């Protein structure tokens, strides 16, 4: 039973460390991602995603990147990369820190090999001096006959490919964190409104935080020459009814609180009203062009408004319509100026307090962002090490002839870039030869 379990573990390890598995997973992920670019995704374009056939929506084609299957593919790819990394770790560590001098001529690299002849003592001294001069880290054999050495330069380059593989693991983990623990949403509210963060319209994820945000003001500022300056939102964060943070955000200047980022996305005009229902005053903020409405409590009356195009900042005014039930035609309409009060169907009195701005904010939490940035840094570092810091390993052995002279056989490990290692070997031999003269 023990042998059977060990055999199963070995087979599983072989499968997970297979390059074929990694390439297959990459191919499947690329295919799924291709489908995601053809079919509208609810996270990017909710309206177009709703227009896709119900069958495809049910099968998850409109939210591919949040499906369990896609996350499973990413998880398997992550495991494959980790296992491959672990499998290569020992060899890379040995090539970096545990190189040993050759014990015989057969252990000197055969492909890139050269010879230098000379007297034993000067030859050994020249080899060590050249290695130091050229910045090699080297180890000498403890024996004097045969005397041998191994030297390495740019040894950290051995880690380039491993770090590159590791960066993909980190990127996958960052993507999974953002997908599983993050959320993305939108809110459009007028100045003076207070909104629980859990009440925003979500396009993906869920909100676990419980604080609220208050829109203190929303402005569409213009420059003196008539050009638009920017949209500005004065935003407060409330916890247990108390303000704990406040900031003004604008386009390209977001506000971050506890890992949640608020981005200025849009702006609209609106109006602030007071509704008097039997002495109870209800503040109401409605967006321009009927984008929001007010239903008086206990009635089937619906109020929509739009900014009066003939009004000005000094004399603001709105046009209003009152609808009853599902009626298509208004039962009451007209124009309302600042501080004017009207009676609405004998149910309540409506007073225009003034015009206000409506701010559109994108709200996003992505705990994987920092991890993804780390993955990008590792990827860049790994590629730089792999392509621009190629390790050079030179080893050699001196075979004595009559105790006075000897022959240095020296070779370089070719690695992936044979031209550069051959040049390094030739430069080393040339320097040793020159010192011997």
Protein backbone atom coordinates (compact mmCIF):
# COMPACT_ATOMS: atom_id res chain seq x y z
CA UNK A 1 0.00 0.00 0.00
CA UNK A 2 2.87 2.36 0.84
CA UNK A 3 4.64 1.63 -2.44
CA UNK A 4 1.37 2.20 -4.30
CA UNK A 5 0.86 5.57 -2.61
CA UNK A 6 4.43 6.63 -3.35
CA UNK A 7 4.03 5.56 -6.98
CA UNK A 8 0.82 7.59 -7.27
CA UNK A 9 2.53 10.64 -5.81
CA UNK A 10 5.44 10.25 -8.23
CA UNK A 11 3.10 9.98 -11.20
CA UNK A 12 1.13 13.02 -10.03
CA UNK A 13 4.37 14.97 -9.59
CA UNK A 14 5.50 13.99 -13.09
CA UNK A 15 2.19 15.17 -14.55
CA UNK A 16 2.22 18.49 -12.69
CA UNK A 17 5.86 19.14 -13.64
CA UNK A 18 5.24 18.39 -17.31
CA UNK A 19 5.99 21.14 -19.82
CA UNK A 20 3.27 19.65 -22.05
CA UNK A 21 0.72 20.29 -19.30
CA UNK A 22 1.87 23.89 -18.99
CA UNK A 23 1.67 24.50 -22.73
CA UNK A 24 -1.76 22.84 -22.88
CA UNK A 25 -3.06 25.01 -20.05
CA UNK A 26 -1.68 28.14 -21.71
CA UNK A 27 -3.39 27.16 -24.96
CA UNK A 28 -6.75 26.55 -23.26
CA UNK A 29 -6.52 29.82 -21.30
CA UNK A 30 -5.68 31.71 -24.50
CA UNK A 31 -8.66 30.08 -26.24
CA UNK A 32 -11.04 31.02 -23.40
CA UNK A 33 -9.64 34.55 -23.34
CA UNK A 34 -10.25 34.75 -27.10
CA UNK A 35 -13.91 33.85 -26.55
CA UNK A 36 -14.03 36.54 -23.86
CA UNK A 37 -12.92 39.15 -26.38
CA UNK A 38 -15.65 38.13 -28.85
CA UNK A 39 -18.55 37.84 -26.40
CA UNK A 40 -19.30 40.99 -24.35
CA UNK A 41 -18.39 40.53 -20.69
CA UNK A 42 -20.65 41.88 -17.97
CA UNK A 43 -17.67 43.40 -16.13
CA UNK A 44 -16.73 45.59 -19.11
CA UNK A 45 -20.05 46.20 -20.89
CA UNK A 46 -23.12 45.14 -18.86
CA UNK A 47 -25.65 46.38 -21.43
CA UNK A 48 -24.16 44.45 -24.36
CA UNK A 49 -23.72 41.39 -22.15
CA UNK A 50 -27.45 41.44 -21.36
CA UNK A 51 -28.20 41.38 -25.10
CA UNK A 52 -26.40 38.03 -25.48
CA UNK A 53 -28.66 34.97 -25.64
CA UNK A 54 -29.93 33.66 -22.30
CA UNK A 55 -28.36 30.26 -22.91
CA UNK A 56 -24.89 31.77 -23.26
CA UNK A 57 -25.46 33.88 -20.16
CA UNK A 58 -26.52 30.80 -18.19
CA UNK A 59 -23.44 28.90 -19.37
CA UNK A 60 -21.26 31.74 -18.10
CA UNK A 61 -19.99 33.04 -21.44
CA UNK A 62 -20.73 36.66 -20.44
CA UNK A 63 -18.62 36.43 -17.28
CA UNK A 64 -15.92 33.96 -18.31
CA UNK A 65 -13.16 35.42 -16.17
CA UNK A 66 -15.17 34.98 -12.96
CA UNK A 67 -16.25 31.39 -13.57
CA UNK A 68 -15.00 28.54 -11.41
CA UNK A 69 -13.65 26.79 -14.51
CA UNK A 70 -11.45 29.71 -15.56
CA UNK A 71 -10.13 30.13 -12.02
CA UNK A 72 -9.42 26.40 -11.93
CA UNK A 73 -7.39 26.71 -15.14
CA UNK A 74 -5.39 29.57 -13.63
CA UNK A 75 -4.90 27.58 -10.44
CA UNK A 76 -3.62 24.52 -12.34
CA UNK A 77 -1.25 26.71 -14.35
CA UNK A 78 0.00 28.24 -11.11
CA UNK A 79 0.59 24.78 -9.60
CA UNK A 80 2.36 23.62 -12.77
CA UNK A 81 4.70 26.63 -12.67
CA UNK A 82 5.40 26.14 -8.95
CA UNK A 83 6.21 22.43 -9.37
CA UNK A 84 8.46 23.18 -12.36
CA UNK A 85 10.20 25.88 -10.33
CA UNK A 86 10.77 23.54 -7.37
CA UNK A 87 12.10 20.85 -9.70
CA UNK A 88 14.68 23.21 -11.20
CA UNK A 89 15.62 24.92 -7.94
CA UNK A 90 18.22 22.38 -6.81
CA UNK A 91 20.10 22.42 -10.10
CA UNK A 92 20.15 26.21 -10.29
CA UNK A 93 21.35 26.49 -6.69
CA UNK A 94 24.13 23.99 -7.41
CA UNK A 95 25.23 25.85 -10.56
CA UNK A 96 25.28 29.11 -8.61
CA UNK A 97 26.85 28.21 -5.27
CA UNK A 98 28.15 24.63 -5.35
CA UNK A 99 30.43 24.39 -8.38
CA UNK A 100 33.49 22.20 -7.78
CA UNK A 101 36.82 22.14 -9.66
CA UNK A 102 37.26 19.27 -12.15
CA UNK A 103 38.99 16.22 -10.71
CA UNK A 104 40.19 14.98 -14.10
CA UNK A 105 40.68 16.12 -17.68
CA UNK A 106 37.45 14.37 -18.67
CA UNK A 107 35.47 16.75 -16.48
CA UNK A 108 36.74 19.84 -18.29
CA UNK A 109 34.17 21.00 -20.93
CA UNK A 110 34.98 19.34 -24.24
CA UNK A 111 33.15 21.61 -26.72
CA UNK A 112 34.83 24.87 -25.78
CA UNK A 113 38.34 23.88 -24.74
CA UNK A 114 41.78 25.47 -25.20
CA UNK A 115 45.27 24.75 -23.93
CA UNK A 116 48.13 26.84 -22.54
CA UNK A 117 51.59 25.51 -21.80
CA UNK A 118 54.16 26.91 -19.42
CA UNK A 119 56.02 26.48 -16.18
CA UNK A 120 53.82 25.19 -13.37
CA UNK A 121 54.20 27.95 -10.76
CA UNK A 122 53.89 30.94 -13.13
CA UNK A 123 51.00 29.22 -14.92
CA UNK A 124 49.04 28.75 -11.70
CA UNK A 125 49.79 32.31 -10.60
CA UNK A 126 48.74 33.74 -13.97
CA UNK A 127 45.43 31.85 -13.90
CA UNK A 128 44.56 33.24 -10.46
CA UNK A 129 45.57 36.80 -11.32
CA UNK A 130 43.55 36.83 -14.54
CA UNK A 131 40.50 35.41 -12.79
CA UNK A 132 40.69 38.18 -10.17
CA UNK A 133 41.28 40.85 -12.81
CA UNK A 134 38.24 39.79 -14.83
CA UNK A 135 35.93 39.60 -11.84
CA UNK A 136 35.42 35.85 -11.63
CA UNK A 137 34.50 34.07 -8.42
CA UNK A 138 36.65 30.98 -8.35
CA UNK A 139 37.38 27.89 -6.32
CA UNK A 140 40.70 26.05 -6.35
CA UNK A 141 41.20 22.36 -5.76
CA UNK A 142 42.82 21.34 -2.51
CA UNK A 143 45.32 19.21 -4.43
CA UNK A 144 48.51 20.43 -6.08
CA UNK A 145 48.63 17.58 -8.55
CA UNK A 146 46.54 17.80 -10.58
CA UNK A 147 45.86 21.45 -9.83
CA UNK A 148 42.42 22.62 -11.01
CA UNK A 149 39.96 25.46 -10.65
CA UNK A 150 36.41 26.50 -11.54
CA UNK A 151 35.34 30.12 -11.94
CA UNK A 152 32.00 31.83 -12.56
CA UNK A 153 30.97 35.34 -13.57
CA UNK A 154 27.42 36.74 -13.58
CA UNK A 155 26.30 33.74 -11.57
CA UNK A 156 22.97 35.33 -10.65
CA UNK A 157 22.05 35.03 -14.32
CA UNK A 158 21.31 31.37 -13.56
CA UNK A 159 18.20 32.57 -11.74
CA UNK A 160 16.78 34.56 -14.66
CA UNK A 161 14.57 31.82 -16.13
CA UNK A 162 13.41 30.67 -12.68
CA UNK A 163 12.49 34.22 -11.63
CA UNK A 164 10.64 34.65 -14.93
CA UNK A 165 8.63 31.47 -14.25
CA UNK A 166 8.01 32.62 -10.68
CA UNK A 167 6.72 35.98 -11.94
CA UNK A 168 3.94 34.22 -13.85
CA UNK A 169 2.97 32.43 -10.63
CA UNK A 170 2.78 35.78 -8.83
CA UNK A 171 0.76 37.31 -11.70
CA UNK A 172 -1.72 34.43 -11.61
CA UNK A 173 -2.07 34.73 -7.83
CA UNK A 174 -2.65 38.47 -8.20
CA UNK A 175 -5.34 37.88 -10.82
CA UNK A 176 -7.05 35.27 -8.62
CA UNK A 177 -6.95 37.59 -5.59
CA UNK A 178 -8.50 40.42 -7.57
CA UNK A 179 -11.16 38.14 -9.01
CA UNK A 180 -12.07 36.39 -5.75
CA UNK A 181 -11.74 39.18 -3.19
CA UNK A 182 -12.22 42.37 -5.21
CA UNK A 183 -15.25 44.16 -6.64
CA UNK A 184 -16.12 46.82 -9.18
CA UNK A 185 -19.15 49.07 -9.08
CA UNK A 186 -20.64 52.45 -9.94
CA UNK A 187 -22.71 55.10 -8.24
CA UNK A 188 -24.43 58.24 -9.51
CA UNK A 189 -25.60 60.46 -6.66
CA UNK A 190 -26.31 64.11 -6.07
CA UNK A 191 -24.65 66.51 -3.65
CA UNK A 192 -25.92 66.03 -0.12
CA UNK A 193 -26.61 62.32 -0.57
CA UNK A 194 -25.28 59.60 1.75
CA UNK A 195 -24.90 56.12 0.28
CA UNK A 196 -23.93 52.85 2.02
CA UNK A 197 -21.00 51.32 0.13
CA UNK A 198 -22.98 48.07 -0.10
CA UNK A 199 -25.73 49.88 -2.01
CA UNK A 200 -23.63 50.74 -5.08
CA UNK A 201 -24.41 49.09 -8.40
CA UNK A 202 -21.92 46.21 -8.79
CA UNK A 203 -20.65 44.77 -12.05
CA UNK A 204 -18.56 42.10 -10.33
CA UNK A 205 -17.68 40.78 -6.88
CA UNK A 206 -19.29 41.48 -3.51
CA UNK A 207 -18.77 44.24 -0.96
CA UNK A 208 -17.88 43.23 2.59
CA UNK A 209 -17.16 46.75 3.92
CA UNK A 210 -19.91 48.54 5.87
CA UNK A 211 -19.00 52.24 5.75
CA UNK A 212 -21.00 54.93 3.91
CA UNK A 213 -19.96 57.81 1.66
CA UNK A 214 -21.43 61.31 1.61
CA UNK A 215 -21.32 63.56 -1.44
CA UNK A 216 -20.64 66.96 0.08
CA UNK A 217 -20.50 68.68 -3.30
CA UNK A 218 -20.18 67.90 -7.00
CA UNK A 219 -19.00 70.59 -9.39
CA UNK A 220 -18.42 71.03 -13.10
CA UNK A 221 -15.84 73.82 -12.98
CA UNK A 222 -15.12 75.99 -16.00
CA UNK A 223 -12.07 78.12 -16.72
CA UNK A 224 -12.19 81.86 -17.38
CA UNK A 225 -11.92 81.24 -21.13
CA UNK A 226 -15.01 79.05 -21.08
CA UNK A 227 -13.20 75.72 -21.34
CA UNK A 228 -13.93 72.96 -18.88
CA UNK A 229 -11.48 72.69 -15.99
CA UNK A 230 -12.53 69.35 -14.45
CA UNK A 231 -15.25 67.54 -12.52
CA UNK A 232 -14.73 67.70 -8.78
CA UNK A 233 -16.37 65.69 -6.00
CA UNK A 234 -15.96 66.49 -2.31
CA UNK A 235 -16.39 63.06 -0.71
CA UNK A 236 -16.59 62.04 2.97
CA UNK A 237 -16.32 58.53 4.39
CA UNK A 238 -18.60 57.80 7.35
CA UNK A 239 -18.24 54.98 9.85
CA UNK A 240 -20.94 54.66 12.51
CA UNK A 241 -22.21 58.05 11.42
CA UNK A 242 -18.87 59.78 12.02
CA UNK A 243 -16.66 61.26 9.34
CA UNK A 244 -13.35 59.36 9.28
CA UNK A 245 -11.91 60.59 5.97
CA UNK A 246 -12.56 63.35 3.46
CA UNK A 247 -11.03 64.23 0.12
CA UNK A 248 -11.74 65.99 -3.16
CA UNK A 249 -11.34 63.79 -6.22
CA UNK A 250 -11.41 64.62 -9.90
CA UNK A 251 -10.66 62.98 -13.23
CA UNK A 252 -7.20 61.34 -13.00
CA UNK A 253 -7.05 62.10 -9.27
CA UNK A 254 -8.81 59.23 -7.44
CA UNK A 255 -9.39 58.84 -3.71
CA UNK A 256 -8.38 55.63 -1.90
CA UNK A 257 -9.78 54.46 1.43
CA UNK A 258 -8.95 51.06 2.95
CA UNK A 259 -7.97 49.63 -0.43
CA UNK A 260 -11.15 50.90 -2.15
CA UNK A 261 -10.56 53.43 -4.92
CA UNK A 262 -13.08 56.04 -6.04
CA UNK A 263 -12.61 57.33 -9.60
CA UNK A 264 -14.34 60.40 -11.04
CA UNK A 265 -16.12 59.02 -14.11
CA UNK A 266 -18.98 61.35 -15.07
CA UNK A 267 -21.05 64.36 -14.07
CA UNK A 268 -24.65 65.41 -14.45
CA UNK A 269 -26.85 68.28 -13.30
CA UNK A 270 -29.71 67.95 -10.86
CA UNK A 271 -31.89 69.78 -8.38
CA UNK A 272 -32.48 69.76 -4.62
CA UNK A 273 -36.08 69.85 -3.33
CA UNK A 274 -37.88 69.86 -0.02
CA UNK A 275 -41.04 67.76 0.21
CA UNK A 276 -43.55 68.68 2.93
CA UNK A 277 -45.91 65.80 3.71
CA UNK A 278 -48.19 66.79 6.55
CA UNK A 279 -45.42 68.72 8.29
CA UNK A 280 -42.75 66.07 7.70
CA UNK A 281 -39.90 67.54 5.63
CA UNK A 282 -38.19 65.12 3.23
CA UNK A 283 -35.05 66.22 1.33
CA UNK A 284 -35.06 65.00 -2.30
CA UNK A 285 -32.31 65.23 -4.91
CA UNK A 286 -33.25 64.40 -8.51
CA UNK A 287 -31.02 64.05 -11.54
CA UNK A 288 -31.55 66.06 -14.71
CA UNK A 289 -33.50 64.71 -17.70
CA UNK A 290 -35.62 62.39 -15.59
CA UNK A 291 -32.70 60.08 -14.83
CA UNK A 292 -34.11 59.63 -11.31
CA UNK A 293 -37.57 60.04 -9.80
CA UNK A 294 -39.33 60.57 -6.46
CA UNK A 295 -42.29 58.49 -5.34
CA UNK A 296 -44.10 60.08 -2.45
CA UNK A 297 -44.50 57.58 0.41
CA UNK A 298 -47.95 55.98 0.48
CA UNK A 299 -48.85 57.23 -3.03
CA UNK A 300 -48.51 56.12 -6.63
CA UNK A 301 -47.34 59.57 -7.70
CA UNK A 302 -43.99 59.80 -9.48
CA UNK A 303 -42.09 63.09 -9.87
CA UNK A 304 -39.40 63.64 -12.54
CA UNK A 305 -37.60 66.88 -13.33
CA UNK A 306 -35.19 68.47 -15.79
CA UNK A 307 -33.22 71.70 -15.69
CA UNK A 308 -35.06 74.59 -17.35
CA UNK A 309 -32.83 75.54 -20.32
CA UNK A 310 -33.94 79.16 -20.00
CA UNK A 311 -32.84 79.42 -16.36
CA UNK A 312 -29.49 80.80 -15.14
CA UNK A 313 -27.20 80.33 -12.15
CA UNK A 314 -28.69 83.49 -10.62
CA UNK A 315 -32.29 82.39 -11.28
CA UNK A 316 -32.31 78.55 -11.33
CA UNK A 317 -35.41 76.77 -12.47
CA UNK A 318 -36.64 73.28 -13.34
CA UNK A 319 -39.39 71.73 -15.41
CA UNK A 320 -41.38 69.04 -13.60
CA UNK A 321 -43.85 66.30 -14.48
CA UNK A 322 -45.98 64.19 -12.16
CA UNK A 323 -47.14 60.74 -13.29
CA UNK A 324 -49.73 58.52 -11.68
CA UNK A 325 -49.19 54.75 -11.58
CA UNK A 326 -48.20 53.38 -14.97
CA UNK A 327 -49.67 56.30 -16.84
CA UNK A 328 -47.77 57.42 -19.91
CA UNK A 329 -48.96 61.03 -19.74
CA UNK A 330 -48.25 63.42 -16.85
CA UNK A 331 -51.19 64.48 -14.71
CA UNK A 332 -49.41 67.64 -13.61
CA UNK A 333 -46.52 69.59 -15.10
CA UNK A 334 -45.00 73.04 -15.08
CA UNK A 335 -42.06 75.19 -14.19
CA UNK A 336 -40.61 75.69 -10.73
CA UNK A 337 -38.17 78.47 -9.77
CA UNK A 338 -35.85 78.71 -6.79
CA UNK A 339 -37.70 78.79 -3.42
CA UNK A 340 -41.06 78.47 -5.17
CA UNK A 341 -43.52 76.02 -3.61
CA UNK A 342 -46.28 74.13 -5.40
CA UNK A 343 -48.96 71.68 -4.33
CA UNK A 344 -48.76 68.23 -5.90
CA UNK A 345 -52.19 66.62 -6.23
CA UNK A 346 -53.06 67.63 -2.67
CA UNK A 347 -50.62 64.99 -1.35
CA UNK A 348 -47.53 67.09 -0.59
CA UNK A 349 -45.92 70.46 -1.15
CA UNK A 350 -42.76 70.69 -3.27
CA UNK A 351 -40.16 73.46 -2.91
CA UNK A 352 -37.10 73.95 -5.16
CA UNK A 353 -34.11 74.66 -2.92
CA UNK A 354 -31.57 75.03 -5.74
CA UNK A 355 -29.54 73.24 -8.36
CA UNK A 356 -26.94 70.63 -7.44
CA UNK A 357 -24.40 68.48 -9.23
CA UNK A 358 -24.63 64.72 -9.65
CA UNK A 359 -21.37 62.85 -9.60
CA UNK A 360 -20.69 59.52 -11.28
CA UNK A 361 -18.03 57.51 -9.49
CA UNK A 362 -16.46 54.20 -10.35
CA UNK A 363 -15.69 52.26 -7.20
CA UNK A 364 -13.11 49.51 -7.32
CA UNK A 365 -11.29 47.21 -4.93
CA UNK A 366 -8.55 44.97 -6.26
CA UNK A 367 -6.35 43.42 -3.56
CA UNK A 368 -4.32 41.75 -6.29
CA UNK A 369 -2.93 44.99 -7.72
CA UNK A 370 0.14 45.08 -5.45
CA UNK A 371 0.78 41.40 -6.18
CA UNK A 372 0.49 42.02 -9.93
CA UNK A 373 2.98 44.90 -9.72
CA UNK A 374 5.33 42.57 -7.85
CA UNK A 375 4.87 39.98 -10.60
CA UNK A 376 5.67 42.59 -13.27
CA UNK A 377 8.83 43.61 -11.40
CA UNK A 378 9.90 39.96 -11.11
CA UNK A 379 9.18 39.40 -14.79
CA UNK A 380 11.29 42.39 -15.80
CA UNK A 381 14.10 41.37 -13.45
CA UNK A 382 14.01 37.76 -14.63
CA UNK A 383 14.17 38.75 -18.30
CA UNK A 384 17.05 41.15 -17.67
CA UNK A 385 18.98 38.45 -15.84
CA UNK A 386 18.18 35.82 -18.48
CA UNK A 387 19.15 37.89 -21.52
CA UNK A 388 21.64 40.49 -20.28
CA UNK A 389 23.44 38.75 -17.40
CA UNK A 390 24.39 35.43 -18.91
CA UNK A 391 26.57 33.38 -16.53
CA UNK A 392 30.02 32.37 -17.73
CA UNK A 393 31.63 29.29 -16.15
CA UNK A 394 35.28 28.46 -16.85
CA UNK A 395 37.07 25.43 -15.43
CA UNK A 396 40.50 24.06 -16.01
CA UNK A 397 43.12 21.59 -14.89
CA UNK A 398 46.93 21.67 -15.08
CA UNK A 399 48.67 18.42 -15.90
CA UNK A 400 52.30 18.44 -14.84
CA UNK A 401 55.09 17.36 -17.16
CA UNK A 402 58.40 16.39 -15.45
CA UNK A 403 57.46 18.47 -12.38
CA UNK A 404 58.52 21.77 -13.93
CA UNK A 405 56.24 22.46 -16.88
CA UNK A 406 52.62 21.74 -17.40
CA UNK A 407 49.67 22.07 -19.74
CA UNK A 408 46.57 24.01 -18.74
CA UNK A 409 43.42 22.58 -20.31
CA UNK A 410 40.63 25.08 -19.82
CA UNK A 411 37.05 25.04 -21.08
CA UNK A 412 33.87 27.06 -20.79
CA UNK A 413 30.35 25.78 -20.28
CA UNK A 414 28.49 26.82 -23.40
CA UNK A 415 25.05 27.36 -21.91
CA UNK A 416 22.60 28.95 -24.36
CA UNK A 417 24.89 31.62 -25.80
CA UNK A 418 27.95 29.81 -27.21
CA UNK A 419 29.41 32.88 -28.95
CA UNK A 420 29.76 34.97 -25.79
CA UNK A 421 31.19 32.09 -23.75
CA UNK A 422 33.67 31.26 -26.50
CA UNK A 423 34.79 34.90 -26.55
CA UNK A 424 35.13 34.88 -22.76
CA UNK A 425 37.28 31.75 -22.96
CA UNK A 426 39.48 33.20 -25.68
CA UNK A 427 39.97 36.42 -23.72
CA UNK A 428 40.89 34.44 -20.61
CA UNK A 429 43.43 32.27 -22.46
CA UNK A 430 44.89 35.33 -24.20
CA UNK A 431 45.35 37.12 -20.87
CA UNK A 432 46.99 34.09 -19.25
CA UNK A 433 49.31 33.66 -22.26
CA UNK A 434 50.34 37.32 -22.18
CA UNK A 435 51.16 37.11 -18.49
CA UNK A 436 53.34 34.09 -19.12
CA UNK A 437 55.55 35.98 -21.58
